C-alpha atoms as a PDB file:
ATOM      1  CA  MET A   1       0.091  -0.019  -0.003  1.00  0.00           C
ATOM      2  CA  ILE A   2       1.086   3.500  -0.651  1.00  0.00           C
ATOM      3  CA  LYS A   3      -0.180   6.891   0.381  1.00  0.00           C
ATOM      4  CA  ILE A   4      -1.271   9.352  -2.323  1.00  0.00           C
ATOM      5  CA  CYS A   5      -3.029  12.776  -1.523  1.00  0.00           C
ATOM      6  CA  GLY A   6      -3.477  11.586   2.128  1.00  0.00           C
ATOM      7  CA  VAL A   7      -5.179   8.430   1.296  1.00  0.00           C
ATOM      8  CA  TRP A   8      -3.798   4.827   1.450  1.00  0.00           C
ATOM      9  CA  VAL A   9      -4.247   2.886  -1.826  1.00  0.00           C
ATOM     10  CA  LEU A  10      -3.317  -0.528  -3.182  1.00  0.00           C
ATOM     11  CA  ALA A  11      -0.094  -0.556  -5.267  1.00  0.00           C
ATOM     12  CA  MET A  12       0.135  -3.385  -7.817  1.00  0.00           C
ATOM     13  CA  SER A  13       3.352  -4.261  -9.563  1.00  0.00           C
ATOM     14  CA  GLY A  14       4.853  -0.922  -8.477  1.00  0.00           C
ATOM     15  CA  LEU A  15       2.592   1.050 -10.855  1.00  0.00           C
ATOM     16  CA  GLY A  16       0.283   2.493  -8.213  1.00  0.00           C
ATOM     17  CA  PHE A  17      -3.077   1.363  -9.567  1.00  0.00           C
ATOM     18  CA  LEU A  18      -6.108   2.860  -7.711  1.00  0.00           C
ATOM     19  CA  ARG A  19      -8.797   0.308  -7.005  1.00  0.00           C
ATOM     20  CA  SER A  20     -11.400   3.041  -6.849  1.00  0.00           C
ATOM     21  CA  ALA A  21     -10.182   5.057  -9.831  1.00  0.00           C
ATOM     22  CA  PRO A  22     -13.006   6.951 -11.467  1.00  0.00           C
ATOM     23  CA  THR A  23     -14.179   5.786 -14.930  1.00  0.00           C
ATOM     24  CA  GLU A  24     -15.904   9.021 -15.887  1.00  0.00           C
ATOM     25  CA  PRO A  25     -15.099  12.722 -15.843  1.00  0.00           C
ATOM     26  CA  HIS A  26     -15.108  14.821 -12.696  1.00  0.00           C
ATOM     27  CA  LYS A  27     -18.211  16.864 -12.024  1.00  0.00           C
ATOM     28  CA  LEU A  28     -16.573  20.240 -11.549  1.00  0.00           C
ATOM     29  CA  ASP A  29     -19.974  22.003 -11.299  1.00  0.00           C
ATOM     30  CA  SER A  30     -20.809  20.311  -7.953  1.00  0.00           C
ATOM     31  CA  LEU A  31     -17.679  21.593  -6.278  1.00  0.00           C
ATOM     32  CA  GLY A  32     -17.520  24.840  -4.337  1.00  0.00           C
ATOM     33  CA  THR A  33     -14.986  27.616  -5.523  1.00  0.00           C
ATOM     34  CA  VAL A  34     -12.825  30.173  -4.079  1.00  0.00           C
ATOM     35  CA  GLU A  35     -10.933  33.164  -5.389  1.00  0.00           C
ATOM     36  CA  LEU A  36      -7.064  33.137  -4.590  1.00  0.00           C
ATOM     37  CA  LYS A  37      -4.338  35.542  -5.348  1.00  0.00           C
ATOM     38  CA  VAL A  38      -0.529  35.375  -5.344  1.00  0.00           C
ATOM     39  CA  LYS A  39       1.566  38.179  -6.853  1.00  0.00           C
ATOM     40  CA  ASP A  40      -0.364  39.176 -10.014  1.00  0.00           C
ATOM     41  CA  LEU A  41      -1.949  35.743 -10.418  1.00  0.00           C
ATOM     42  CA  SER A  42      -5.639  35.615  -9.734  1.00  0.00           C
ATOM     43  CA  VAL A  43      -7.270  32.158  -9.585  1.00  0.00           C
ATOM     44  CA  HIS A  44     -10.765  30.914  -9.533  1.00  0.00           C
ATOM     45  CA  ALA A  45     -10.304  27.540  -7.867  1.00  0.00           C
ATOM     46  CA  TRP A  46     -12.520  24.518  -7.327  1.00  0.00           C
ATOM     47  CA  ILE A  47     -12.214  23.318  -3.684  1.00  0.00           C
ATOM     48  CA  VAL A  48     -11.694  19.680  -2.740  1.00  0.00           C
ATOM     49  CA  ASP A  49     -11.522  18.677   0.836  1.00  0.00           C
ATOM     50  CA  GLU A  50     -12.920  15.158   0.988  1.00  0.00           C
ATOM     51  CA  ASN A  51     -10.858  12.055   0.239  1.00  0.00           C
ATOM     52  CA  ASP A  52     -13.092  10.898  -2.680  1.00  0.00           C
ATOM     53  CA  GLU A  53     -12.788  14.389  -4.285  1.00  0.00           C
ATOM     54  CA  ARG A  54      -9.029  14.675  -3.742  1.00  0.00           C
ATOM     55  CA  LEU A  55      -8.613  11.274  -5.349  1.00  0.00           C
ATOM     56  CA  LYS A  56     -10.311  12.399  -8.442  1.00  0.00           C
ATOM     57  CA  GLY A  57      -8.666  15.878  -8.499  1.00  0.00           C
ATOM     58  CA  LEU A  58      -8.457  16.944 -12.165  1.00  0.00           C
ATOM     59  CA  MET A  59      -8.617  13.459 -13.679  1.00  0.00           C
ATOM     60  CA  PHE A  60     -10.163  13.633 -17.159  1.00  0.00           C
ATOM     61  CA  VAL A  61     -10.402  17.359 -17.164  1.00  0.00           C
ATOM     62  CA  THR A  62      -9.530  18.852 -20.643  1.00  0.00           C
ATOM     63  CA  ALA A  63      -7.557  21.802 -21.613  1.00  0.00           C
ATOM     64  CA  ASP A  64     -10.747  23.526 -22.590  1.00  0.00           C
ATOM     65  CA  GLN A  65     -12.187  23.195 -19.073  1.00  0.00           C
ATOM     66  CA  MET A  66      -8.943  24.726 -17.681  1.00  0.00           C
ATOM     67  CA  GLU A  67      -8.903  27.818 -19.985  1.00  0.00           C
ATOM     68  CA  PRO A  68      -8.859  31.155 -18.140  1.00  0.00           C
ATOM     69  CA  LEU A  69     -12.132  32.887 -17.475  1.00  0.00           C
ATOM     70  CA  PRO A  70     -13.157  35.866 -19.781  1.00  0.00           C
ATOM     71  CA  ASP A  71     -11.874  38.405 -17.190  1.00  0.00           C
ATOM     72  CA  GLY A  72      -8.345  36.636 -17.190  1.00  0.00           C
ATOM     73  CA  ARG A  73      -8.550  34.762 -13.917  1.00  0.00           C
ATOM     74  CA  GLU A  74      -6.882  31.364 -14.148  1.00  0.00           C
ATOM     75  CA  ARG A  75      -8.864  28.222 -13.332  1.00  0.00           C
ATOM     76  CA  GLY A  76      -7.473  25.788 -10.689  1.00  0.00           C
ATOM     77  CA  MET A  77      -8.118  23.268  -8.042  1.00  0.00           C
ATOM     78  CA  LEU A  78      -7.323  23.856  -4.339  1.00  0.00           C
ATOM     79  CA  PHE A  79      -6.762  20.628  -2.366  1.00  0.00           C
ATOM     80  CA  VAL A  80      -7.530  21.236   1.425  1.00  0.00           C
ATOM     81  CA  PHE A  81      -6.149  18.829   4.061  1.00  0.00           C
ATOM     82  CA  GLN A  82      -6.911  18.906   7.799  1.00  0.00           C
ATOM     83  CA  HIS A  83      -3.343  18.051   8.765  1.00  0.00           C
ATOM     84  CA  ASP A  84       0.001  18.679   7.365  1.00  0.00           C
ATOM     85  CA  GLU A  85       0.896  16.196   4.665  1.00  0.00           C
ATOM     86  CA  ARG A  86       4.137  14.811   3.322  1.00  0.00           C
ATOM     87  CA  THR A  87       2.809  12.663   0.394  1.00  0.00           C
ATOM     88  CA  GLY A  88       2.912  13.553  -3.260  1.00  0.00           C
ATOM     89  CA  PHE A  89       0.469  13.829  -6.096  1.00  0.00           C
ATOM     90  CA  TRP A  90       0.466  11.851  -9.381  1.00  0.00           C
ATOM     91  CA  MET A  91      -1.173  12.276 -12.772  1.00  0.00           C
ATOM     92  CA  LYS A  92      -3.077   8.946 -13.209  1.00  0.00           C
ATOM     93  CA  ASN A  93      -5.961   9.656 -15.543  1.00  0.00           C
ATOM     94  CA  THR A  94      -5.049  13.311 -15.863  1.00  0.00           C
ATOM     95  CA  VAL A  95      -4.894  14.093 -19.446  1.00  0.00           C
ATOM     96  CA  ILE A  96      -3.249  17.520 -19.446  1.00  0.00           C
ATOM     97  CA  ASP A  97       0.004  18.730 -17.996  1.00  0.00           C
ATOM     98  CA  LEU A  98      -0.505  20.676 -14.913  1.00  0.00           C
ATOM     99  CA  ASP A  99       1.484  22.866 -12.366  1.00  0.00           C
ATOM    100  CA  ILE A 100       1.231  22.257  -8.651  1.00  0.00           C
ATOM    101  CA  ALA A 101       2.119  24.513  -5.718  1.00  0.00           C
ATOM    102  CA  TYR A 102       2.314  22.995  -2.309  1.00  0.00           C
ATOM    103  CA  LEU A 103       1.402  25.457   0.418  1.00  0.00           C
ATOM    104  CA  THR A 104       1.756  25.636   4.171  1.00  0.00           C
ATOM    105  CA  ALA A 105      -1.101  26.338   6.528  1.00  0.00           C
ATOM    106  CA  ASP A 106      -0.590  30.117   6.159  1.00  0.00           C
ATOM    107  CA  GLY A 107      -0.465  29.883   2.298  1.00  0.00           C
ATOM    108  CA  THR A 108       3.416  30.053   1.837  1.00  0.00           C
ATOM    109  CA  VAL A 109       4.530  28.099  -1.190  1.00  0.00           C
ATOM    110  CA  VAL A 110       6.753  25.180  -0.163  1.00  0.00           C
ATOM    111  CA  GLU A 111       7.617  23.831  -3.583  1.00  0.00           C
ATOM    112  CA  THR A 112       6.346  23.810  -7.181  1.00  0.00           C
ATOM    113  CA  PHE A 113       6.307  21.275 -10.001  1.00  0.00           C
ATOM    114  CA  THR A 114       5.235  20.920 -13.538  1.00  0.00           C
ATOM    115  CA  MET A 115       3.515  17.498 -13.709  1.00  0.00           C
ATOM    116  CA  LYS A 116       3.265  15.574 -16.979  1.00  0.00           C
ATOM    117  CA  ALA A 117      -0.084  14.182 -18.140  1.00  0.00           C
ATOM    118  CA  LEU A 118      -0.705  10.553 -17.253  1.00  0.00           C
ATOM    119  CA  LEU A 119       2.661  10.065 -15.439  1.00  0.00           C
ATOM    120  CA  GLU A 120       2.058   7.729 -12.455  1.00  0.00           C
ATOM    121  CA  ARG A 121       5.126   8.865 -10.435  1.00  0.00           C
ATOM    122  CA  PRO A 122       4.515  10.942  -7.390  1.00  0.00           C
ATOM    123  CA  TYR A 123       5.585  14.555  -7.214  1.00  0.00           C
ATOM    124  CA  VAL A 124       6.628  14.882  -3.586  1.00  0.00           C
ATOM    125  CA  PRO A 125       7.632  18.148  -2.003  1.00  0.00           C
ATOM    126  CA  LYS A 126      10.736  18.403   0.376  1.00  0.00           C
ATOM    127  CA  SER A 127       8.610  19.486   3.311  1.00  0.00           C
ATOM    128  CA  ALA A 128       5.063  19.374   4.719  1.00  0.00           C
ATOM    129  CA  TYR A 129       2.152  21.144   3.176  1.00  0.00           C
ATOM    130  CA  ARG A 130      -1.462  21.884   4.142  1.00  0.00           C
ATOM    131  CA  PHE A 131      -2.848  22.876   0.642  1.00  0.00           C
ATOM    132  CA  ALA A 132      -2.036  22.059  -2.953  1.00  0.00           C
ATOM    133  CA  LEU A 133      -3.042  24.255  -5.850  1.00  0.00           C
ATOM    134  CA  GLU A 134      -3.180  22.789  -9.378  1.00  0.00           C
ATOM    135  CA  LEU A 135      -3.190  25.012 -12.510  1.00  0.00           C
ATOM    136  CA  ARG A 136      -2.680  24.772 -16.312  1.00  0.00           C
ATOM    137  CA  SER A 137       0.852  23.882 -17.010  1.00  0.00           C
ATOM    138  CA  GLY A 138       3.178  27.061 -17.311  1.00  0.00           C
ATOM    139  CA  THR A 139       0.992  29.297 -15.186  1.00  0.00           C
ATOM    140  CA  LEU A 140       3.343  29.380 -12.100  1.00  0.00           C
ATOM    141  CA  ALA A 141       6.306  30.287 -14.300  1.00  0.00           C
ATOM    142  CA  ARG A 142       4.406  32.926 -16.301  1.00  0.00           C
ATOM    143  CA  TYR A 143       3.626  34.691 -12.930  1.00  0.00           C
ATOM    144  CA  TRP A 144       7.010  33.907 -11.377  1.00  0.00           C
ATOM    145  CA  VAL A 145       5.293  32.076  -8.482  1.00  0.00           C
ATOM    146  CA  GLN A 146       8.026  30.199  -6.495  1.00  0.00           C
ATOM    147  CA  ALA A 147       8.883  28.843  -3.050  1.00  0.00           C
ATOM    148  CA  GLY A 148       8.478  31.479  -0.305  1.00  0.00           C
ATOM    149  CA  ASP A 149       5.719  33.458  -2.030  1.00  0.00           C
ATOM    150  CA  ARG A 150       2.499  33.606  -0.126  1.00  0.00           C
ATOM    151  CA  LEU A 151      -1.030  32.891  -1.444  1.00  0.00           C
ATOM    152  CA  VAL A 152      -3.829  34.817   0.117  1.00  0.00           C
ATOM    153  CA  LEU A 153      -6.180  32.274   1.606  1.00  0.00           C
ATOM    154  CA  PRO A 154      -9.704  33.336   2.494  1.00  0.00           C
ATOM    155  CA  GLU A 155     -10.926  32.643   6.132  1.00  0.00           C
ATOM    156  CA  SER A 156     -13.531  30.111   4.607  1.00  0.00           C
ATOM    157  CA  VAL A 157     -10.649  28.040   3.296  1.00  0.00           C
ATOM    158  CA  LEU A 158      -8.693  28.228   6.463  1.00  0.00           C
ATOM    159  CA  LYS A 159     -11.748  27.022   8.432  1.00  0.00           C
ATOM    160  CA  ARG A 160     -11.983  24.033   6.106  1.00  0.00           C
ATOM    161  CA  SER A 161      -8.319  23.026   6.810  1.00  0.00           C
ATOM    162  CA  ARG A 162      -9.034  23.233  10.662  1.00  0.00           C
ATOM    163  CA  ARG A 163     -12.314  21.368  10.532  1.00  0.00           C
ATOM    164  CA  SER A 164     -11.261  18.146  11.915  1.00  0.00           C
ATOM    165  CA  SER A 165      -8.329  19.628  13.965  1.00  0.00           C
ATOM    166  CA  ASP A 166     -10.493  21.636  16.426  1.00  0.00           C
END
């Protein structure tokens, strides 16, 4: 067994097959959203804070679904955890390249990666994180977002991350 996105899953032949991998696209419209900002980057992000949502992430989401909004805000997905995590993310069933920023509980960027579509190796940051933000590939570089930068997190998101810790 291995731990991915805070959930233990069965690993077969070292390839990390998920026994409960979804077989259809994620229903993004059913997720809550939040507005985020770091430097000049504005993001309209779907929020996922339940294990089944985190496992699906942006699986099967197309490039068209990740296009910026008409006002220029980028689309993304914010993964919220109730405790600091040390595990990585992978790209199983994710059909587009993505950027990921791992964030501490106060929104400070720990580390960033550009993740390749369908690659089933984990992208693991060097230190613990409470949030992870996924965006279209190239977005973080375009806005010069890097380790040490701080994302402004609304109180509603911070409450979600403390939900089971209180």
